[in-house]
């Protein structure tokens, strides 16, 4: 009986460790994506393209840029992009 409990505990430990790894990896991926988005926004500032939608070439609203400074698209184009990606 003690052996079964030990094996069961090891399985739970393994599962918890796996969940922890997955959570850490997801966090790392989100952070890396945010970093790339910020670097790309800084490059757009340098080239004078910041605040211009990369899809429709229209100005991105200041309100959107205030909420999402690294935005590449206006709200309308971002919604289209997300629908197409889904």
N, C-alpha and C. Protein backbone atom coordinates (compact mmCIF):
# COMPACT_ATOMS: atom_id res chain seq x y z
N UNK A 1 0.83 -1.19 0.00
CA UNK A 1 0.00 0.00 0.00
C UNK A 1 0.87 1.26 0.00
N UNK A 2 1.94 1.26 0.77
CA UNK A 2 2.82 2.42 0.82
C UNK A 2 3.46 2.67 -0.54
N UNK A 3 3.77 1.62 -1.27
CA UNK A 3 4.37 1.75 -2.59
C UNK A 3 3.39 2.43 -3.54
N UNK A 4 2.12 2.05 -3.50
CA UNK A 4 1.11 2.67 -4.36
C UNK A 4 0.98 4.15 -4.05
N UNK A 5 0.98 4.52 -2.78
CA UNK A 5 0.88 5.92 -2.40
C UNK A 5 2.10 6.70 -2.89
N UNK A 6 3.26 6.08 -2.79
CA UNK A 6 4.48 6.72 -3.25
C UNK A 6 4.44 6.93 -4.76
N UNK A 7 4.01 5.92 -5.50
CA UNK A 7 3.90 6.05 -6.95
C UNK A 7 2.87 7.12 -7.29
N UNK A 8 1.76 7.11 -6.58
CA UNK A 8 0.71 8.10 -6.82
C UNK A 8 1.24 9.50 -6.56
N UNK A 9 1.98 9.66 -5.46
CA UNK A 9 2.55 10.96 -5.14
C UNK A 9 3.55 11.38 -6.23
N UNK A 10 4.33 10.44 -6.73
CA UNK A 10 5.27 10.77 -7.79
C UNK A 10 4.54 11.21 -9.06
N UNK A 11 3.43 10.55 -9.36
CA UNK A 11 2.65 10.95 -10.54
C UNK A 11 2.10 12.36 -10.38
N UNK A 12 1.61 12.67 -9.19
CA UNK A 12 1.10 14.02 -8.94
C UNK A 12 2.24 15.02 -9.01
N UNK A 13 3.37 14.69 -8.41
CA UNK A 13 4.53 15.59 -8.48
C UNK A 13 4.94 15.83 -9.93
N UNK A 14 4.95 14.75 -10.72
CA UNK A 14 5.31 14.89 -12.13
C UNK A 14 4.31 15.77 -12.87
N UNK A 15 3.04 15.57 -12.58
CA UNK A 15 1.99 16.38 -13.21
C UNK A 15 2.13 17.84 -12.81
N UNK A 16 2.34 18.10 -11.53
CA UNK A 16 2.51 19.48 -11.06
C UNK A 16 3.74 20.13 -11.68
N UNK A 17 4.82 19.36 -11.79
CA UNK A 17 6.04 19.89 -12.41
C UNK A 17 5.79 20.20 -13.88
N UNK A 18 5.04 19.35 -14.55
CA UNK A 18 4.72 19.57 -15.96
C UNK A 18 3.86 20.82 -16.13
N UNK A 19 2.88 20.98 -15.27
CA UNK A 19 2.03 22.17 -15.32
C UNK A 19 2.86 23.42 -15.06
N UNK A 20 3.76 23.34 -14.10
CA UNK A 20 4.63 24.47 -13.78
C UNK A 20 5.52 24.83 -14.97
N UNK A 21 6.08 23.81 -15.63
CA UNK A 21 6.91 24.05 -16.82
C UNK A 21 6.10 24.71 -17.94
N UNK A 22 4.88 24.19 -18.17
CA UNK A 22 4.03 24.75 -19.21
C UNK A 22 3.67 26.20 -18.92
N UNK A 23 3.36 26.48 -17.67
CA UNK A 23 3.02 27.86 -17.27
C UNK A 23 4.23 28.78 -17.45
N UNK A 24 5.38 28.32 -17.04
CA UNK A 24 6.60 29.13 -17.19
C UNK A 24 6.92 29.37 -18.66
N UNK A 25 6.76 28.34 -19.48
CA UNK A 25 7.03 28.47 -20.91
C UNK A 25 6.05 29.46 -21.56
N UNK A 26 4.79 29.37 -21.19
CA UNK A 26 3.79 30.30 -21.73
C UNK A 26 4.13 31.74 -21.35
N UNK A 27 4.52 31.93 -20.09
CA UNK A 27 4.89 33.27 -19.63
C UNK A 27 6.11 33.78 -20.40
N UNK A 28 7.09 32.92 -20.59
CA UNK A 28 8.29 33.30 -21.33
C UNK A 28 7.96 33.67 -22.77
N UNK A 29 7.08 32.89 -23.41
CA UNK A 29 6.69 33.18 -24.78
C UNK A 29 5.95 34.52 -24.88
N UNK A 30 5.03 34.78 -23.94
CA UNK A 30 4.32 36.07 -23.93
C UNK A 30 5.29 37.23 -23.75
N UNK A 31 6.23 37.07 -22.83
CA UNK A 31 7.21 38.12 -22.57
C UNK A 31 8.08 38.37 -23.81
N UNK A 32 8.51 37.30 -24.46
CA UNK A 32 9.33 37.44 -25.67
C UNK A 32 8.54 38.12 -26.78
N UNK A 33 7.27 37.77 -26.94
CA UNK A 33 6.43 38.42 -27.95
C UNK A 33 6.24 39.89 -27.65
N UNK A 34 6.03 40.23 -26.37
CA UNK A 34 5.89 41.63 -26.00
C UNK A 34 7.18 42.40 -26.28
N UNK A 35 8.29 41.79 -25.97
CA UNK A 35 9.58 42.43 -26.23
C UNK A 35 9.75 42.70 -27.73
N UNK A 36 9.46 41.70 -28.56
CA UNK A 36 9.57 41.89 -30.01
C UNK A 36 8.64 42.99 -30.50
N UNK A 37 7.43 43.05 -29.95
CA UNK A 37 6.48 44.09 -30.35
C UNK A 37 6.99 45.48 -29.99
N UNK A 38 7.58 45.61 -28.81
CA UNK A 38 8.10 46.91 -28.38
C UNK A 38 9.30 47.31 -29.24
N UNK A 39 10.19 46.37 -29.51
CA UNK A 39 11.36 46.67 -30.37
C UNK A 39 10.88 47.09 -31.76
N UNK A 40 9.87 46.40 -32.29
CA UNK A 40 9.34 46.76 -33.61
C UNK A 40 8.71 48.16 -33.58
N UNK A 41 8.04 48.49 -32.48
CA UNK A 41 7.44 49.83 -32.36
C UNK A 41 8.54 50.90 -32.32
N UNK A 42 9.62 50.62 -31.61
CA UNK A 42 10.74 51.58 -31.56
C UNK A 42 11.35 51.76 -32.95
N UNK A 43 11.44 50.67 -33.71
CA UNK A 43 11.96 50.77 -35.07
C UNK A 43 11.03 51.62 -35.94
N UNK A 44 9.71 51.45 -35.75
CA UNK A 44 8.75 52.27 -36.51
C UNK A 44 8.86 53.74 -36.14
N UNK A 45 9.17 54.02 -34.89
CA UNK A 45 9.39 55.42 -34.48
C UNK A 45 10.59 55.98 -35.24
N UNK A 46 11.67 55.19 -35.30
CA UNK A 46 12.89 55.63 -35.99
C UNK A 46 12.66 55.88 -37.48
N UNK A 47 11.80 55.07 -38.10
CA UNK A 47 11.57 55.22 -39.54
C UNK A 47 10.40 56.14 -39.87
N UNK A 48 9.74 56.66 -38.82
CA UNK A 48 8.61 57.56 -39.06
C UNK A 48 7.31 56.84 -39.40
N UNK A 49 7.27 55.54 -39.21
CA UNK A 49 6.07 54.76 -39.53
C UNK A 49 5.21 54.47 -38.31
N UNK A 50 5.63 54.94 -37.15
CA UNK A 50 4.87 54.67 -35.93
C UNK A 50 3.51 55.37 -36.00
N UNK A 51 2.49 54.64 -35.60
CA UNK A 51 1.15 55.21 -35.59
C UNK A 51 0.41 55.07 -36.91
N UNK A 52 1.03 54.39 -37.87
CA UNK A 52 0.42 54.15 -39.18
C UNK A 52 0.08 52.66 -39.26
N UNK A 53 -1.16 52.36 -39.61
CA UNK A 53 -1.61 50.97 -39.72
C UNK A 53 -0.83 50.28 -40.84
N UNK A 54 -0.28 49.12 -40.55
CA UNK A 54 0.51 48.41 -41.57
C UNK A 54 -0.36 47.75 -42.62
N UNK A 55 -1.68 47.69 -42.40
CA UNK A 55 -2.57 47.08 -43.39
C UNK A 55 -3.22 48.12 -44.30
N UNK A 56 -3.78 49.18 -43.71
CA UNK A 56 -4.54 50.15 -44.51
C UNK A 56 -3.82 51.49 -44.68
N UNK A 57 -2.67 51.65 -44.06
CA UNK A 57 -1.85 52.87 -44.13
C UNK A 57 -2.55 54.11 -43.58
N UNK A 58 -3.58 53.91 -42.79
CA UNK A 58 -4.27 55.03 -42.13
C UNK A 58 -3.66 55.24 -40.75
N UNK A 59 -3.89 56.43 -40.21
CA UNK A 59 -3.39 56.75 -38.87
C UNK A 59 -4.10 55.88 -37.82
N UNK A 60 -3.34 55.34 -36.90
CA UNK A 60 -3.90 54.62 -35.76
C UNK A 60 -4.31 55.67 -34.74
N UNK A 61 -5.50 55.54 -34.20
CA UNK A 61 -6.01 56.57 -33.30
C UNK A 61 -5.11 56.73 -32.07
N UNK A 62 -4.95 57.96 -31.61
CA UNK A 62 -4.15 58.20 -30.40
C UNK A 62 -4.68 57.43 -29.20
N UNK A 63 -5.98 57.24 -29.15
CA UNK A 63 -6.60 56.50 -28.05
C UNK A 63 -6.11 55.03 -28.06
N UNK A 64 -6.05 54.45 -29.25
CA UNK A 64 -5.56 53.07 -29.36
C UNK A 64 -4.08 53.01 -29.01
N UNK A 65 -3.30 53.95 -29.49
CA UNK A 65 -1.87 53.95 -29.19
C UNK A 65 -1.62 54.18 -27.70
N UNK A 66 -2.49 54.92 -27.07
CA UNK A 66 -2.37 55.13 -25.62
C UNK A 66 -2.63 53.82 -24.88
N UNK A 67 -3.59 53.05 -25.36
CA UNK A 67 -3.92 51.77 -24.73
C UNK A 67 -2.92 50.68 -25.10
N UNK A 68 -2.49 50.67 -26.38
CA UNK A 68 -1.57 49.64 -26.88
C UNK A 68 -0.48 50.35 -27.68
N UNK A 69 0.54 50.87 -27.00
CA UNK A 69 1.57 51.67 -27.69
C UNK A 69 2.30 50.94 -28.81
N UNK A 70 2.36 49.63 -28.76
CA UNK A 70 3.06 48.87 -29.77
C UNK A 70 2.13 48.42 -30.90
N UNK A 71 0.91 48.96 -30.96
CA UNK A 71 -0.06 48.53 -31.97
C UNK A 71 0.49 48.73 -33.38
N UNK A 72 0.29 47.73 -34.22
CA UNK A 72 0.71 47.78 -35.62
C UNK A 72 -0.45 48.11 -36.54
N UNK A 73 -1.66 47.90 -36.03
CA UNK A 73 -2.85 48.06 -36.87
C UNK A 73 -3.88 48.91 -36.17
N UNK A 74 -4.72 49.55 -36.96
CA UNK A 74 -5.87 50.26 -36.40
C UNK A 74 -6.85 49.21 -35.87
N UNK A 75 -7.84 49.65 -35.12
CA UNK A 75 -8.78 48.71 -34.51
C UNK A 75 -9.48 47.86 -35.57
N UNK A 76 -9.95 48.49 -36.63
CA UNK A 76 -10.68 47.75 -37.67
C UNK A 76 -9.81 46.68 -38.32
N UNK A 77 -8.60 47.03 -38.69
CA UNK A 77 -7.71 46.05 -39.32
C UNK A 77 -7.27 44.98 -38.33
N UNK A 78 -7.08 45.34 -37.06
CA UNK A 78 -6.70 44.35 -36.05
C UNK A 78 -7.83 43.33 -35.87
N UNK A 79 -9.07 43.80 -35.87
CA UNK A 79 -10.20 42.88 -35.74
C UNK A 79 -10.24 41.92 -36.93
N UNK A 80 -10.03 42.44 -38.13
CA UNK A 80 -9.98 41.59 -39.31
C UNK A 80 -8.85 40.57 -39.24
N UNK A 81 -7.69 41.04 -38.79
CA UNK A 81 -6.52 40.17 -38.65
C UNK A 81 -6.81 39.03 -37.67
N UNK A 82 -7.42 39.36 -36.54
CA UNK A 82 -7.72 38.34 -35.53
C UNK A 82 -8.78 37.36 -36.02
N UNK A 83 -9.78 37.83 -36.76
CA UNK A 83 -10.79 36.92 -37.31
C UNK A 83 -10.16 35.96 -38.31
N UNK A 84 -9.26 36.49 -39.14
CA UNK A 84 -8.61 35.65 -40.15
C UNK A 84 -7.69 34.62 -39.48
N UNK A 85 -7.07 34.98 -38.39
CA UNK A 85 -6.15 34.08 -37.69
C UNK A 85 -6.90 32.99 -36.93
N UNK A 86 -8.15 33.25 -36.61
CA UNK A 86 -8.93 32.27 -35.80
C UNK A 86 -9.41 31.10 -36.59
